[in-house]
N, C-alpha and C. Protein backbone atom coordinates (compact mmCIF):
# COMPACT_ATOMS: atom_id res chain seq x y z
N MET A 1 0.85 -0.87 -0.33
CA MET A 1 -0.03 -0.42 -0.14
C MET A 1 0.99 1.02 0.03
N ALA A 2 0.62 2.02 -0.75
CA ALA A 2 1.50 3.46 -0.80
C ALA A 2 0.96 4.15 0.17
N ILE A 3 1.63 5.44 0.79
CA ILE A 3 1.08 5.90 1.58
C ILE A 3 0.85 7.12 0.91
N ALA A 4 -0.47 7.86 1.40
CA ALA A 4 -0.94 8.58 0.77
C ALA A 4 -0.90 10.38 1.63
N ASN A 5 -0.55 10.25 2.51
CA ASN A 5 -0.04 11.31 3.22
C ASN A 5 1.45 11.38 2.14
N ARG A 6 1.35 13.01 1.76
CA ARG A 6 2.40 13.29 0.99
C ARG A 6 3.82 13.62 1.47
N GLN A 7 3.13 14.61 2.72
CA GLN A 7 4.51 14.89 3.68
C GLN A 7 4.79 13.16 4.35
N VAL A 8 4.28 12.65 5.01
CA VAL A 8 4.82 11.56 5.43
C VAL A 8 5.44 10.80 4.53
N ALA A 9 5.14 10.31 2.58
CA ALA A 9 5.99 9.73 1.55
C ALA A 9 7.25 10.07 1.58
N GLU A 10 7.49 11.65 1.80
CA GLU A 10 8.16 12.40 0.90
C GLU A 10 9.23 12.45 3.13
N TYR A 11 8.78 12.00 3.95
CA TYR A 11 9.23 11.86 5.06
C TYR A 11 11.04 11.60 4.74
N PRO A 12 12.16 11.88 5.35
CA PRO A 12 12.64 10.96 5.63
C PRO A 12 13.71 10.65 6.56
N PHE A 13 12.57 8.74 7.59
CA PHE A 13 12.35 8.33 8.32
C PHE A 13 14.53 8.49 8.87
N LEU A 14 14.96 8.21 9.99
CA LEU A 14 15.14 7.97 11.35
C LEU A 14 16.69 8.13 10.21
N LEU A 15 16.86 10.12 9.27
CA LEU A 15 18.02 10.19 8.68
C LEU A 15 19.49 10.23 9.35
N ALA A 16 19.22 11.10 10.61
CA ALA A 16 20.30 11.24 11.07
C ALA A 16 20.49 9.86 12.25
N LEU A 17 19.63 8.86 12.09
CA LEU A 17 21.02 7.08 12.26
C LEU A 17 21.62 7.02 10.70
N TYR A 18 21.24 7.33 9.87
CA TYR A 18 21.80 6.70 8.36
C TYR A 18 22.62 7.47 8.06
N GLU A 19 22.91 8.73 8.98
CA GLU A 19 23.98 9.55 8.76
C GLU A 19 25.43 8.80 9.52
N ASP A 20 25.18 7.87 10.43
CA ASP A 20 25.66 7.57 11.78
C ASP A 20 26.05 6.56 10.82
N ASP A 21 27.55 6.22 11.02
CA ASP A 21 27.98 4.83 10.76
C ASP A 21 27.90 3.69 11.76
N TYR A 22 27.55 4.13 12.80
CA TYR A 22 27.30 3.34 14.23
C TYR A 22 26.01 2.51 13.81
N PHE A 23 25.13 3.39 13.01
CA PHE A 23 24.31 2.58 13.49
C PHE A 23 24.33 1.37 11.45
N PRO A 24 23.56 0.65 11.56
CA PRO A 24 23.82 -0.42 10.32
C PRO A 24 22.85 0.36 9.59
N ASP A 25 22.97 0.33 7.69
CA ASP A 25 21.44 0.26 6.94
C ASP A 25 21.11 -1.04 7.43
N GLN A 26 21.31 -1.86 7.31
CA GLN A 26 20.52 -2.72 7.27
C GLN A 26 19.32 -3.34 8.46
N VAL A 27 19.82 -2.97 9.89
CA VAL A 27 18.69 -3.03 10.71
C VAL A 27 18.37 -1.51 10.84
N LEU A 28 18.66 -0.40 10.24
CA LEU A 28 17.67 0.98 10.18
C LEU A 28 16.63 0.57 8.74
N ASP A 29 17.04 -0.07 8.12
CA ASP A 29 15.16 -0.33 6.97
C ASP A 29 14.62 -1.08 7.45
N ARG A 30 15.13 -2.02 8.61
CA ARG A 30 14.16 -2.81 9.13
C ARG A 30 13.10 -1.66 9.71
N GLY A 31 13.86 -1.19 10.82
CA GLY A 31 13.04 0.17 11.39
C GLY A 31 12.76 1.18 10.86
N ARG A 32 13.11 1.41 9.61
CA ARG A 32 12.72 2.78 8.57
C ARG A 32 10.97 2.11 7.64
N ALA A 33 10.77 0.92 7.87
CA ALA A 33 10.13 -0.29 7.34
C ALA A 33 9.17 -0.91 8.14
N VAL A 34 9.20 -0.49 10.14
CA VAL A 34 8.54 -0.44 10.39
C VAL A 34 7.08 1.01 11.11
N LEU A 35 7.76 2.07 10.90
CA LEU A 35 6.91 3.84 10.38
C LEU A 35 6.27 3.71 9.65
N VAL A 36 6.76 3.21 8.14
CA VAL A 36 5.98 3.38 7.03
C VAL A 36 5.34 2.27 7.45
N ARG A 37 4.94 0.90 7.30
CA ARG A 37 3.54 0.44 8.00
C ARG A 37 3.03 0.77 9.14
N LEU A 38 3.27 1.18 10.31
CA LEU A 38 2.69 2.54 11.32
C LEU A 38 1.72 3.33 10.00
N CYS A 39 2.51 4.33 9.34
CA CYS A 39 1.74 5.08 8.81
C CYS A 39 0.37 4.54 7.51
N GLU A 40 0.88 3.34 7.02
CA GLU A 40 0.20 2.49 6.27
C GLU A 40 -1.26 1.64 7.40
N ARG A 41 -0.80 1.48 8.42
CA ARG A 41 -2.40 0.81 9.02
C ARG A 41 -2.84 2.51 9.53
N ILE A 42 -2.61 3.52 10.11
CA ILE A 42 -3.19 4.66 10.49
C ILE A 42 -3.89 5.27 9.87
N GLU A 43 -3.93 4.72 7.98
CA GLU A 43 -4.46 5.66 7.54
C GLU A 43 -5.23 4.22 6.66
N ALA A 44 -4.90 3.41 6.98
CA ALA A 44 -6.09 2.56 6.76
C ALA A 44 -6.89 2.07 7.82
N GLU A 45 -6.98 2.04 8.52
CA GLU A 45 -7.80 1.55 10.00
C GLU A 45 -8.18 2.71 10.81
N ARG A 46 -7.66 4.84 10.37
CA ARG A 46 -7.82 5.08 10.24
C ARG A 46 -8.44 5.91 11.39
N PRO A 47 -7.98 5.84 12.95
CA PRO A 47 -7.82 5.59 14.13
C PRO A 47 -8.43 7.54 14.44
N THR A 48 -9.33 7.06 15.12
CA THR A 48 -10.26 8.39 15.67
C THR A 48 -10.27 8.96 17.03
N ASP A 49 -9.65 9.12 17.42
CA ASP A 49 -8.61 9.94 18.89
C ASP A 49 -7.61 8.90 18.99
N LEU A 50 -6.71 9.40 20.28
CA LEU A 50 -6.08 9.18 20.08
C LEU A 50 -5.59 8.13 21.17
N ALA A 51 -6.55 7.71 21.60
CA ALA A 51 -6.13 5.82 22.09
C ALA A 51 -6.12 5.28 21.06
N ALA A 52 -7.09 5.57 20.31
CA ALA A 52 -7.09 4.51 19.01
C ALA A 52 -5.13 4.70 18.31
N LEU A 53 -4.67 5.71 18.50
CA LEU A 53 -3.31 5.92 17.58
C LEU A 53 -2.06 5.46 18.92
N TYR A 54 -2.65 5.25 19.80
CA TYR A 54 -1.74 5.05 20.40
C TYR A 54 -1.64 3.35 21.06
N ARG A 55 -2.76 2.40 20.73
CA ARG A 55 -2.62 1.02 20.41
C ARG A 55 -2.12 0.46 19.16
N LEU A 56 -1.92 1.33 18.08
CA LEU A 56 -1.25 1.20 17.17
C LEU A 56 0.28 1.11 16.89
N THR A 57 0.25 2.64 18.06
CA THR A 57 1.90 3.00 18.11
C THR A 57 2.96 2.10 18.82
N GLU A 58 1.72 1.41 19.95
CA GLU A 58 2.13 0.20 20.67
C GLU A 58 2.81 -1.13 20.17
N GLY A 59 2.05 -1.37 18.89
CA GLY A 59 2.48 -2.02 18.09
C GLY A 59 3.78 -2.49 17.47
N ALA A 60 3.59 -0.63 16.73
CA ALA A 60 4.93 -0.95 16.87
C ALA A 60 6.57 -0.30 17.09
N THR A 61 6.59 -0.26 18.09
CA THR A 61 7.20 0.06 19.54
C THR A 61 7.62 -0.78 19.53
N GLU A 62 6.79 -2.40 19.67
CA GLU A 62 7.36 -3.34 20.02
C GLU A 62 8.17 -3.72 18.42
N GLU A 63 7.90 -3.79 17.86
CA GLU A 63 8.80 -4.17 16.90
C GLU A 63 9.92 -3.26 17.09
N PHE A 64 9.99 -2.75 17.15
CA PHE A 64 11.43 -1.70 17.73
C PHE A 64 12.18 -2.60 18.41
N ASN A 65 10.91 -3.39 20.15
CA ASN A 65 12.18 -3.40 20.39
C ASN A 65 12.78 -4.60 20.23
N ALA A 66 12.14 -5.98 19.44
CA ALA A 66 11.96 -6.90 18.27
C ALA A 66 13.97 -6.24 18.08
N LEU A 67 13.84 -5.12 17.32
CA LEU A 67 14.82 -4.54 16.56
C LEU A 67 16.49 -5.16 17.01
N GLU A 68 15.74 -4.75 19.10
CA GLU A 68 17.54 -4.42 19.94
C GLU A 68 18.19 -5.24 19.64
N ALA A 69 18.13 -6.30 19.28
CA ALA A 69 18.93 -8.01 19.50
C ALA A 69 19.31 -7.91 18.13
N GLU A 70 19.32 -7.21 16.97
CA GLU A 70 19.67 -7.11 15.93
C GLU A 70 20.96 -5.84 15.55
N PHE A 71 19.95 -4.55 16.54
CA PHE A 71 20.81 -4.02 16.33
C PHE A 71 22.53 -4.24 17.22
N GLU A 72 22.65 -5.24 18.48
CA GLU A 72 23.06 -5.50 19.03
C GLU A 72 23.27 -6.00 18.56
N ALA A 73 24.02 -7.57 17.53
CA ALA A 73 24.20 -8.03 16.74
C ALA A 73 25.52 -7.45 15.94
N ALA A 74 24.59 -6.29 15.40
CA ALA A 74 25.55 -5.64 14.46
C ALA A 74 26.09 -4.74 14.98
N GLY A 75 26.33 -4.96 16.34
CA GLY A 75 27.67 -3.99 17.47
C GLY A 75 27.01 -2.92 16.91
N SER A 76 26.17 -2.79 17.63
CA SER A 76 25.25 -1.24 17.55
C SER A 76 24.66 -1.51 18.39
N GLU A 77 23.41 -0.93 18.89
CA GLU A 77 22.54 -1.05 19.88
C GLU A 77 21.27 1.07 19.90
N ILE A 78 20.08 0.88 20.27
CA ILE A 78 18.86 1.21 20.55
C ILE A 78 19.28 2.98 21.64
N GLU A 79 20.48 3.81 21.68
CA GLU A 79 20.73 3.83 22.41
C GLU A 79 20.19 5.85 22.54
N THR A 80 21.04 6.39 23.58
CA THR A 80 20.74 7.77 23.52
C THR A 80 19.55 8.98 21.93
N VAL A 81 20.87 8.85 21.45
CA VAL A 81 20.75 9.86 19.64
C VAL A 81 19.57 8.46 19.38
N ALA A 82 19.57 7.38 19.03
CA ALA A 82 18.34 6.50 18.78
C ALA A 82 16.97 6.80 18.89
N ARG A 83 17.30 6.71 20.08
CA ARG A 83 15.73 6.94 21.14
C ARG A 83 15.02 8.22 20.64
N GLU A 84 16.38 9.13 20.50
CA GLU A 84 15.71 10.19 20.69
C GLU A 84 14.74 10.59 19.17
N GLU A 85 15.73 10.23 18.03
CA GLU A 85 15.32 10.36 16.13
C GLU A 85 13.84 9.35 16.94
N ILE A 86 14.13 7.68 16.75
CA ILE A 86 13.19 7.36 16.32
C ILE A 86 11.61 7.89 17.81
N GLY A 87 11.73 7.67 18.15
CA GLY A 87 10.55 9.20 19.44
C GLY A 87 10.15 10.41 18.78
N GLU A 88 11.21 11.00 17.84
CA GLU A 88 10.81 12.31 16.93
C GLU A 88 9.43 11.84 15.78
N ALA A 89 10.41 10.40 14.81
CA ALA A 89 9.92 9.91 13.29
C ALA A 89 8.09 9.38 14.28
N PHE A 90 8.14 8.81 14.84
CA PHE A 90 6.44 8.66 15.91
C PHE A 90 5.80 10.03 15.66
N TRP A 91 7.03 10.75 16.73
CA TRP A 91 5.75 12.18 17.27
C TRP A 91 4.91 12.92 15.08
N PHE A 92 5.92 12.59 14.54
CA PHE A 92 5.98 13.71 13.12
C PHE A 92 4.70 12.34 12.46
N ILE A 93 4.69 11.69 12.83
CA ILE A 93 3.82 10.52 12.10
C ILE A 93 2.16 11.09 12.92
N ALA A 94 2.67 11.12 14.33
CA ALA A 94 1.42 11.72 14.76
C ALA A 94 0.99 12.69 14.14
N GLN A 95 1.65 14.12 14.68
CA GLN A 95 1.42 15.69 13.94
C GLN A 95 1.21 15.50 12.66
N ALA A 96 1.59 14.53 11.40
CA ALA A 96 1.07 13.84 10.63
C ALA A 96 -0.58 13.90 10.14
N TYR A 97 -1.37 13.03 11.23
CA TYR A 97 -2.02 12.68 10.89
C TYR A 97 -3.24 13.28 11.43
N GLY A 98 -2.71 14.31 12.47
CA GLY A 98 -3.98 14.96 12.67
C GLY A 98 -3.49 15.11 13.86
N PHE A 99 -2.63 14.23 14.61
CA PHE A 99 -2.81 14.10 16.40
C PHE A 99 -2.33 15.39 16.97
N GLU A 100 -2.45 16.05 17.18
CA GLU A 100 -1.08 17.41 17.02
C GLU A 100 -1.52 17.67 18.96
N ASP A 101 -2.18 16.57 19.88
CA ASP A 101 -2.03 16.60 20.84
C ASP A 101 -1.38 15.66 21.58
N ALA A 102 -0.63 14.22 20.67
CA ALA A 102 -0.18 13.61 21.05
C ALA A 102 0.39 13.86 21.83
N ASP A 103 0.85 12.70 22.65
CA ASP A 103 2.47 12.84 23.93
C ASP A 103 3.59 12.21 23.42
N VAL A 104 4.70 12.66 22.84
CA VAL A 104 5.65 11.53 22.44
C VAL A 104 5.89 10.15 23.65
N GLU A 105 5.81 10.22 24.73
CA GLU A 105 5.92 9.52 25.52
C GLU A 105 5.40 8.18 25.78
N GLU A 106 3.68 8.41 25.50
CA GLU A 106 2.42 7.42 25.67
C GLU A 106 2.99 7.49 23.57
N LEU A 107 3.19 7.98 22.92
CA LEU A 107 3.37 7.04 21.50
C LEU A 107 4.27 5.59 21.80
N ILE A 108 5.38 6.25 22.22
CA ILE A 108 6.50 5.09 22.54
C ILE A 108 6.44 4.13 23.87
N ALA A 109 5.40 4.46 25.25
CA ALA A 109 5.27 3.97 25.78
C ALA A 109 6.15 2.38 25.97
N ALA A 110 5.13 1.56 24.78
CA ALA A 110 6.58 0.37 25.28
C ALA A 110 7.65 -0.08 25.12
N ARG A 111 8.11 0.94 24.94
CA ARG A 111 9.55 1.26 24.68
C ARG A 111 9.90 0.33 24.95
N GLU A 112 11.77 -0.90 25.44
CA GLU A 112 12.42 -1.31 25.96
C GLU A 112 13.38 -0.61 25.83
N TRP A 113 13.77 0.50 25.16
CA TRP A 113 15.29 1.09 24.96
C TRP A 113 15.04 2.66 25.81
């Protein structure tokens, strides 16, 4: 499914991490795919309130939790810079889909990183 929201479709997810050699591109590609799938789910399911959005972001956050082992296997980790960049991506997505009141901590509340 192609993302219909032009702002989201053109957004360079995780760009700061791609620019840092510490973070392996193959794992970042999987993280970017998590974010794209989240956008596709938002467009398909059209959550009507923050609670519904948070349920969607919880699943995506759990997918990032599962990527932690892949980061570690590649000699990296989801550390402060990565946490900030991932959190910012979730916040951007919420804003782009009209959830201006979304709390970034709630968006990624299920995180283990």
